[in-house]
Amino acid sequence: MAIPNHSLCYRPVRAGITIVNPNVGKVGTVGFIATSDGQDRWLVSCYHVLGRIDFSPFNDGEPIYQPIDDPQYLIARMSTARADAQLDCAAAKLEAGIQSTNEILELSPLAGISEPVLGMRVIKSGCVTGVTEGVVSQVNGDAVEIQIAPGFPSHYELSQEGDSGSLWISSQDNRAVALHRAGNAYGKQDSFAIRLSAVLTRLNLQLI
């Protein structure tokens, strides 16, 4: 059985690939690479991916592996200072010697940030469903809802478990919009995300 491309080992580290905290035990997706001072590098994903599924506290320095739970694949370590359980976002600092890029697997490099607006066509690259496309259907504060784009098949898979942490970007100009945090397993496909500008503000980071 072939291993999906998103679950392979990638160096430099980039968005759209599989990551795992062994203390969590479930894989998620790298959303993007960020910096606090222009020199350091942080990978950003969801709190329930990097920290704890139940949103309980974690410890400083917990390891993040890519692509599988194995110490030889250590790429980053957690920081309690850059995490927010309520907003469901967290960052892990890349280890010395681990290179990164602002590229997204199977998509173009990011061109900046945009605020989500109703009707915006967006696309993401997640470690389970790969590249999928949707449309912003609701914006309520920092909460963003994304649905299947008009004209797409009703059984189209927008996201699945494991895509958490992936980044929704504008299909028009490749600007980052929102961090994917969840989807629904049954009925009409919806994806739920967090406004990216809020994530960056809370984590005190800047997009590369």
C-alpha atoms as a PDB file:
ATOM      1  CA  MET A   1       0.000   0.000   0.000  1.00  0.00           C
ATOM      2  CA  ALA A   2       1.427   3.375  -0.996  1.00  0.00           C
ATOM      3  CA  ILE A   3       2.106   5.983   1.666  1.00  0.00           C
ATOM      4  CA  PRO A   4       0.398   9.327   0.900  1.00  0.00           C
ATOM      5  CA  ASN A   5       2.840  12.036  -0.177  1.00  0.00           C
ATOM      6  CA  HIS A   6       1.913  14.279   2.743  1.00  0.00           C
ATOM      7  CA  SER A   7       3.009  11.588   5.202  1.00  0.00           C
ATOM      8  CA  LEU A   8       6.552  11.288   3.859  1.00  0.00           C
ATOM      9  CA  CYS A   9       9.660  12.850   5.426  1.00  0.00           C
ATOM     10  CA  TYR A  10      10.370  16.387   4.186  1.00  0.00           C
ATOM     11  CA  ARG A  11      13.489  18.477   4.734  1.00  0.00           C
ATOM     12  CA  PRO A  12      13.349  21.423   4.573  1.00  0.00           C
ATOM     13  CA  VAL A  13      10.176  21.339   6.676  1.00  0.00           C
ATOM     14  CA  ARG A  14       7.187  22.897   4.925  1.00  0.00           C
ATOM     15  CA  ALA A  15       3.445  23.336   5.346  1.00  0.00           C
ATOM     16  CA  GLY A  16       0.977  20.573   4.511  1.00  0.00           C
ATOM     17  CA  ILE A  17       2.979  17.657   5.914  1.00  0.00           C
ATOM     18  CA  THR A  18       2.388  15.221   8.774  1.00  0.00           C
ATOM     19  CA  ILE A  19       3.571  15.975  12.315  1.00  0.00           C
ATOM     20  CA  VAL A  20       3.043  14.257  15.654  1.00  0.00           C
ATOM     21  CA  ASN A  21       3.654  14.895  19.343  1.00  0.00           C
ATOM     22  CA  PRO A  22       4.237  11.454  20.937  1.00  0.00           C
ATOM     23  CA  ASN A  23       2.372  12.661  24.034  1.00  0.00           C
ATOM     24  CA  VAL A  24      -0.710  13.222  21.862  1.00  0.00           C
ATOM     25  CA  GLY A  25      -0.376  10.185  19.611  1.00  0.00           C
ATOM     26  CA  LYS A  26      -2.445  11.455  16.696  1.00  0.00           C
ATOM     27  CA  VAL A  27      -1.068  13.026  13.558  1.00  0.00           C
ATOM     28  CA  GLY A  28      -1.881  16.511  12.349  1.00  0.00           C
ATOM     29  CA  THR A  29      -0.673  18.917   9.700  1.00  0.00           C
ATOM     30  CA  VAL A  30       1.924  21.697   9.638  1.00  0.00           C
ATOM     31  CA  GLY A  31      -0.003  24.874   8.868  1.00  0.00           C
ATOM     32  CA  PHE A  32       2.853  27.229   8.128  1.00  0.00           C
ATOM     33  CA  ILE A  33       6.309  28.367   9.211  1.00  0.00           C
ATOM     34  CA  ALA A  34       6.627  31.595  11.227  1.00  0.00           C
ATOM     35  CA  THR A  35       9.208  33.698  13.039  1.00  0.00           C
ATOM     36  CA  SER A  36       9.313  35.883  16.146  1.00  0.00           C
ATOM     37  CA  ASP A  37      12.446  37.877  15.316  1.00  0.00           C
ATOM     38  CA  GLY A  38      13.308  37.155  11.693  1.00  0.00           C
ATOM     39  CA  GLN A  39      15.914  34.587  12.699  1.00  0.00           C
ATOM     40  CA  ASP A  40      14.143  31.794  14.586  1.00  0.00           C
ATOM     41  CA  ARG A  41      11.635  29.458  12.953  1.00  0.00           C
ATOM     42  CA  TRP A  42       8.410  28.040  14.383  1.00  0.00           C
ATOM     43  CA  LEU A  43       5.984  25.552  12.894  1.00  0.00           C
ATOM     44  CA  VAL A  44       2.361  26.401  13.612  1.00  0.00           C
ATOM     45  CA  SER A  45      -0.569  24.015  13.893  1.00  0.00           C
ATOM     46  CA  CYS A  46      -3.557  23.430  16.198  1.00  0.00           C
ATOM     47  CA  TYR A  47      -3.290  23.114  19.969  1.00  0.00           C
ATOM     48  CA  HIS A  48      -5.039  19.749  19.858  1.00  0.00           C
ATOM     49  CA  VAL A  49      -2.369  18.546  17.396  1.00  0.00           C
ATOM     50  CA  LEU A  50       0.773  19.904  19.065  1.00  0.00           C
ATOM     51  CA  GLY A  51      -0.372  20.107  22.700  1.00  0.00           C
ATOM     52  CA  ARG A  52      -3.220  17.911  23.911  1.00  0.00           C
ATOM     53  CA  ILE A  53      -6.394  16.582  22.283  1.00  0.00           C
ATOM     54  CA  ASP A  54      -8.409  17.471  25.381  1.00  0.00           C
ATOM     55  CA  PHE A  55      -6.814  20.958  25.521  1.00  0.00           C
ATOM     56  CA  SER A  56      -5.161  20.253  28.875  1.00  0.00           C
ATOM     57  CA  PRO A  57      -1.721  21.763  29.643  1.00  0.00           C
ATOM     58  CA  PHE A  58       1.475  20.353  28.165  1.00  0.00           C
ATOM     59  CA  ASN A  59       5.113  20.728  29.191  1.00  0.00           C
ATOM     60  CA  ASP A  60       7.783  22.981  27.741  1.00  0.00           C
ATOM     61  CA  GLY A  61      10.173  21.178  25.455  1.00  0.00           C
ATOM     62  CA  GLU A  62       7.915  18.322  24.372  1.00  0.00           C
ATOM     63  CA  PRO A  63       9.199  16.879  21.066  1.00  0.00           C
ATOM     64  CA  ILE A  64       7.515  17.176  17.700  1.00  0.00           C
ATOM     65  CA  TYR A  65       8.373  14.532  15.105  1.00  0.00           C
ATOM     66  CA  GLN A  66       7.976  14.502  11.333  1.00  0.00           C
ATOM     67  CA  PRO A  67       6.686  12.287   9.838  1.00  0.00           C
ATOM     68  CA  ILE A  68       6.306   9.561  12.501  1.00  0.00           C
ATOM     69  CA  ASP A  69       6.661   9.025  16.242  1.00  0.00           C
ATOM     70  CA  ASP A  70      10.372   8.229  16.288  1.00  0.00           C
ATOM     71  CA  PRO A  71      13.166  10.214  18.009  1.00  0.00           C
ATOM     72  CA  GLN A  72      15.286  10.158  14.861  1.00  0.00           C
ATOM     73  CA  TYR A  73      12.661  12.393  13.249  1.00  0.00           C
ATOM     74  CA  LEU A  74      12.741  15.134  15.905  1.00  0.00           C
ATOM     75  CA  ILE A  75      12.262  18.533  14.246  1.00  0.00           C
ATOM     76  CA  ALA A  76      10.887  20.899  16.911  1.00  0.00           C
ATOM     77  CA  ARG A  77      10.028  21.391  20.570  1.00  0.00           C
ATOM     78  CA  MET A  78       6.960  22.858  22.199  1.00  0.00           C
ATOM     79  CA  SER A  79       6.740  26.152  24.078  1.00  0.00           C
ATOM     80  CA  THR A  80       3.966  26.885  26.574  1.00  0.00           C
ATOM     81  CA  ALA A  81       4.467  30.586  25.854  1.00  0.00           C
ATOM     82  CA  ARG A  82       3.267  30.142  22.279  1.00  0.00           C
ATOM     83  CA  ALA A  83       0.039  28.221  22.653  1.00  0.00           C
ATOM     84  CA  ASP A  84      -3.629  29.006  23.226  1.00  0.00           C
ATOM     85  CA  ALA A  85      -6.048  26.196  24.029  1.00  0.00           C
ATOM     86  CA  GLN A  86      -9.090  28.450  23.690  1.00  0.00           C
ATOM     87  CA  LEU A  87      -8.128  29.584  20.208  1.00  0.00           C
ATOM     88  CA  ASP A  88      -6.804  26.075  19.396  1.00  0.00           C
ATOM     89  CA  CYS A  89      -3.425  27.146  18.083  1.00  0.00           C
ATOM     90  CA  ALA A  90       0.179  26.432  19.075  1.00  0.00           C
ATOM     91  CA  ALA A  91       3.728  26.671  17.773  1.00  0.00           C
ATOM     92  CA  ALA A  92       6.851  24.564  18.172  1.00  0.00           C
ATOM     93  CA  LYS A  93      10.358  25.945  17.677  1.00  0.00           C
ATOM     94  CA  LEU A  94      12.421  24.193  15.032  1.00  0.00           C
ATOM     95  CA  GLU A  95      15.565  22.530  16.319  1.00  0.00           C
ATOM     96  CA  ALA A  96      18.989  23.846  15.324  1.00  0.00           C
ATOM     97  CA  GLY A  97      19.943  22.467  11.931  1.00  0.00           C
ATOM     98  CA  ILE A  98      16.360  21.814  10.800  1.00  0.00           C
ATOM     99  CA  GLN A  99      15.801  23.895   7.692  1.00  0.00           C
ATOM    100  CA  SER A 100      12.390  25.193   6.611  1.00  0.00           C
ATOM    101  CA  THR A 101      10.655  26.895   3.695  1.00  0.00           C
ATOM    102  CA  ASN A 102       7.444  28.894   3.318  1.00  0.00           C
ATOM    103  CA  GLU A 103       6.287  26.488   0.603  1.00  0.00           C
ATOM    104  CA  ILE A 104       3.123  24.434   1.001  1.00  0.00           C
ATOM    105  CA  LEU A 105       3.225  20.878  -0.294  1.00  0.00           C
ATOM    106  CA  GLU A 106       1.525  20.727  -3.713  1.00  0.00           C
ATOM    107  CA  LEU A 107       0.750  24.470  -3.608  1.00  0.00           C
ATOM    108  CA  SER A 108       2.679  27.677  -4.308  1.00  0.00           C
ATOM    109  CA  PRO A 109       4.601  29.614  -1.612  1.00  0.00           C
ATOM    110  CA  LEU A 110       2.511  31.981   0.499  1.00  0.00           C
ATOM    111  CA  ALA A 111       2.164  35.558  -0.747  1.00  0.00           C
ATOM    112  CA  GLY A 112       1.007  37.175   2.501  1.00  0.00           C
ATOM    113  CA  ILE A 113      -2.144  37.351   4.629  1.00  0.00           C
ATOM    114  CA  SER A 114      -5.775  38.207   3.852  1.00  0.00           C
ATOM    115  CA  GLU A 115      -8.816  38.489   6.075  1.00  0.00           C
ATOM    116  CA  PRO A 116     -11.598  35.957   5.360  1.00  0.00           C
ATOM    117  CA  VAL A 117     -14.718  37.307   3.652  1.00  0.00           C
ATOM    118  CA  LEU A 118     -17.955  35.615   2.658  1.00  0.00           C
ATOM    119  CA  GLY A 119     -17.759  33.935  -0.718  1.00  0.00           C
ATOM    120  CA  MET A 120     -13.948  33.805  -0.804  1.00  0.00           C
ATOM    121  CA  ARG A 121     -12.664  30.706  -2.596  1.00  0.00           C
ATOM    122  CA  VAL A 122     -10.016  28.988  -0.500  1.00  0.00           C
ATOM    123  CA  ILE A 123      -7.746  25.973  -0.823  1.00  0.00           C
ATOM    124  CA  LYS A 124      -5.717  23.910   1.653  1.00  0.00           C
ATOM    125  CA  SER A 125      -3.141  21.127   1.695  1.00  0.00           C
ATOM    126  CA  GLY A 126      -3.716  18.647   4.527  1.00  0.00           C
ATOM    127  CA  CYS A 127      -1.927  15.428   5.388  1.00  0.00           C
ATOM    128  CA  VAL A 128      -5.048  13.245   4.946  1.00  0.00           C
ATOM    129  CA  THR A 129      -7.216  14.653   2.150  1.00  0.00           C
ATOM    130  CA  GLY A 130      -4.406  16.518   0.400  1.00  0.00           C
ATOM    131  CA  VAL A 131      -5.383  19.567  -1.637  1.00  0.00           C
ATOM    132  CA  THR A 132      -9.070  20.490  -1.389  1.00  0.00           C
ATOM    133  CA  GLU A 133     -11.048  23.590  -2.265  1.00  0.00           C
ATOM    134  CA  GLY A 134     -13.966  25.329  -0.585  1.00  0.00           C
ATOM    135  CA  VAL A 135     -15.679  28.662  -0.061  1.00  0.00           C
ATOM    136  CA  VAL A 136     -15.932  30.808   3.073  1.00  0.00           C
ATOM    137  CA  SER A 137     -19.565  30.530   4.166  1.00  0.00           C
ATOM    138  CA  GLN A 138     -19.468  32.262   7.555  1.00  0.00           C
ATOM    139  CA  VAL A 139     -17.193  34.590   9.540  1.00  0.00           C
ATOM    140  CA  ASN A 140     -18.070  35.122  13.194  1.00  0.00           C
ATOM    141  CA  GLY A 141     -15.316  36.956  15.050  1.00  0.00           C
ATOM    142  CA  ASP A 142     -12.243  34.722  14.788  1.00  0.00           C
ATOM    143  CA  ALA A 143     -14.311  31.676  13.772  1.00  0.00           C
ATOM    144  CA  VAL A 144     -14.422  30.886  10.057  1.00  0.00           C
ATOM    145  CA  GLU A 145     -16.639  28.279   8.401  1.00  0.00           C
ATOM    146  CA  ILE A 146     -15.845  26.798   4.999  1.00  0.00           C
ATOM    147  CA  GLN A 147     -18.163  24.735   2.810  1.00  0.00           C
ATOM    148  CA  ILE A 148     -17.895  22.819  -0.454  1.00  0.00           C
ATOM    149  CA  ALA A 149     -17.649  25.212  -3.391  1.00  0.00           C
ATOM    150  CA  PRO A 150     -20.783  25.627  -5.543  1.00  0.00           C
ATOM    151  CA  GLY A 151     -20.958  23.089  -8.339  1.00  0.00           C
ATOM    152  CA  PHE A 152     -18.764  20.529  -6.567  1.00  0.00           C
ATOM    153  CA  PRO A 153     -20.138  16.989  -5.977  1.00  0.00           C
ATOM    154  CA  SER A 154     -22.180  16.631  -2.789  1.00  0.00           C
ATOM    155  CA  HIS A 155     -19.904  13.795  -1.584  1.00  0.00           C
ATOM    156  CA  TYR A 156     -16.733  15.880  -2.057  1.00  0.00           C
ATOM    157  CA  GLU A 157     -14.383  15.451   0.932  1.00  0.00           C
ATOM    158  CA  LEU A 158     -13.393  18.879   2.204  1.00  0.00           C
ATOM    159  CA  SER A 159     -11.366  17.577   5.158  1.00  0.00           C
ATOM    160  CA  GLN A 160     -10.818  14.645   7.490  1.00  0.00           C
ATOM    161  CA  GLU A 161      -9.259  13.974  10.875  1.00  0.00           C
ATOM    162  CA  GLY A 162      -5.534  14.587  10.542  1.00  0.00           C
ATOM    163  CA  ASP A 163      -5.972  17.686   8.378  1.00  0.00           C
ATOM    164  CA  SER A 164      -6.149  19.774  11.563  1.00  0.00           C
ATOM    165  CA  GLY A 165      -3.553  22.512  11.502  1.00  0.00           C
ATOM    166  CA  SER A 166      -3.526  22.944   7.738  1.00  0.00           C
ATOM    167  CA  LEU A 167      -3.804  26.436   6.304  1.00  0.00           C
ATOM    168  CA  TRP A 168      -6.693  27.730   4.220  1.00  0.00           C
ATOM    169  CA  ILE A 169      -5.398  30.201   1.641  1.00  0.00           C
ATOM    170  CA  SER A 170      -7.088  32.368  -0.960  1.00  0.00           C
ATOM    171  CA  SER A 171      -7.320  30.603  -4.310  1.00  0.00           C
ATOM    172  CA  GLN A 172      -7.047  33.955  -6.077  1.00  0.00           C
ATOM    173  CA  ASP A 173      -3.800  35.352  -4.673  1.00  0.00           C
ATOM    174  CA  ASN A 174      -2.306  32.617  -2.446  1.00  0.00           C
ATOM    175  CA  ARG A 175      -2.654  34.683   0.730  1.00  0.00           C
ATOM    176  CA  ALA A 176      -3.153  32.903   4.038  1.00  0.00           C
ATOM    177  CA  VAL A 177      -6.651  33.219   5.515  1.00  0.00           C
ATOM    178  CA  ALA A 178      -7.374  30.762   8.341  1.00  0.00           C
ATOM    179  CA  LEU A 179      -6.010  27.790  10.307  1.00  0.00           C
ATOM    180  CA  HIS A 180      -8.096  24.633   9.851  1.00  0.00           C
ATOM    181  CA  ARG A 181      -9.139  23.065  13.158  1.00  0.00           C
ATOM    182  CA  ALA A 182     -11.999  20.620  12.501  1.00  0.00           C
ATOM    183  CA  GLY A 183     -14.510  19.199  10.071  1.00  0.00           C
ATOM    184  CA  ASN A 184     -17.721  17.206  10.342  1.00  0.00           C
ATOM    185  CA  ALA A 185     -17.790  13.493   9.675  1.00  0.00           C
ATOM    186  CA  TYR A 186     -21.410  13.203   8.560  1.00  0.00           C
ATOM    187  CA  GLY A 187     -23.920  15.181   6.546  1.00  0.00           C
ATOM    188  CA  LYS A 188     -23.071  18.309   4.598  1.00  0.00           C
ATOM    189  CA  GLN A 189     -19.315  18.870   4.515  1.00  0.00           C
ATOM    190  CA  ASP A 190     -18.197  21.859   6.586  1.00  0.00           C
ATOM    191  CA  SER A 191     -14.779  22.838   7.835  1.00  0.00           C
ATOM    192  CA  PHE A 192     -14.132  25.068  10.817  1.00  0.00           C
ATOM    193  CA  ALA A 193     -11.099  27.307  11.053  1.00  0.00           C
ATOM    194  CA  ILE A 194      -9.559  30.202  12.982  1.00  0.00           C
ATOM    195  CA  ARG A 195      -8.817  33.610  11.490  1.00  0.00           C
ATOM    196  CA  LEU A 196      -5.076  33.616  10.798  1.00  0.00           C
ATOM    197  CA  SER A 197      -4.475  37.173  11.942  1.00  0.00           C
ATOM    198  CA  ALA A 198      -5.810  36.201  15.381  1.00  0.00           C
ATOM    199  CA  VAL A 199      -3.509  33.155  15.505  1.00  0.00           C
ATOM    200  CA  LEU A 200      -0.431  35.229  14.704  1.00  0.00           C
ATOM    201  CA  THR A 201      -1.351  37.878  17.257  1.00  0.00           C
ATOM    202  CA  ARG A 202      -1.915  35.363  20.036  1.00  0.00           C
ATOM    203  CA  LEU A 203       1.282  33.422  19.296  1.00  0.00           C
ATOM    204  CA  ASN A 204       3.275  36.642  18.804  1.00  0.00           C
ATOM    205  CA  LEU A 205       4.631  35.404  15.490  1.00  0.00           C
ATOM    206  CA  GLN A 206       4.936  36.648  11.934  1.00  0.00           C
ATOM    207  CA  LEU A 207       4.407  34.750   8.706  1.00  0.00           C
ATOM    208  CA  ILE A 208       7.639  34.035   6.806  1.00  0.00           C
END
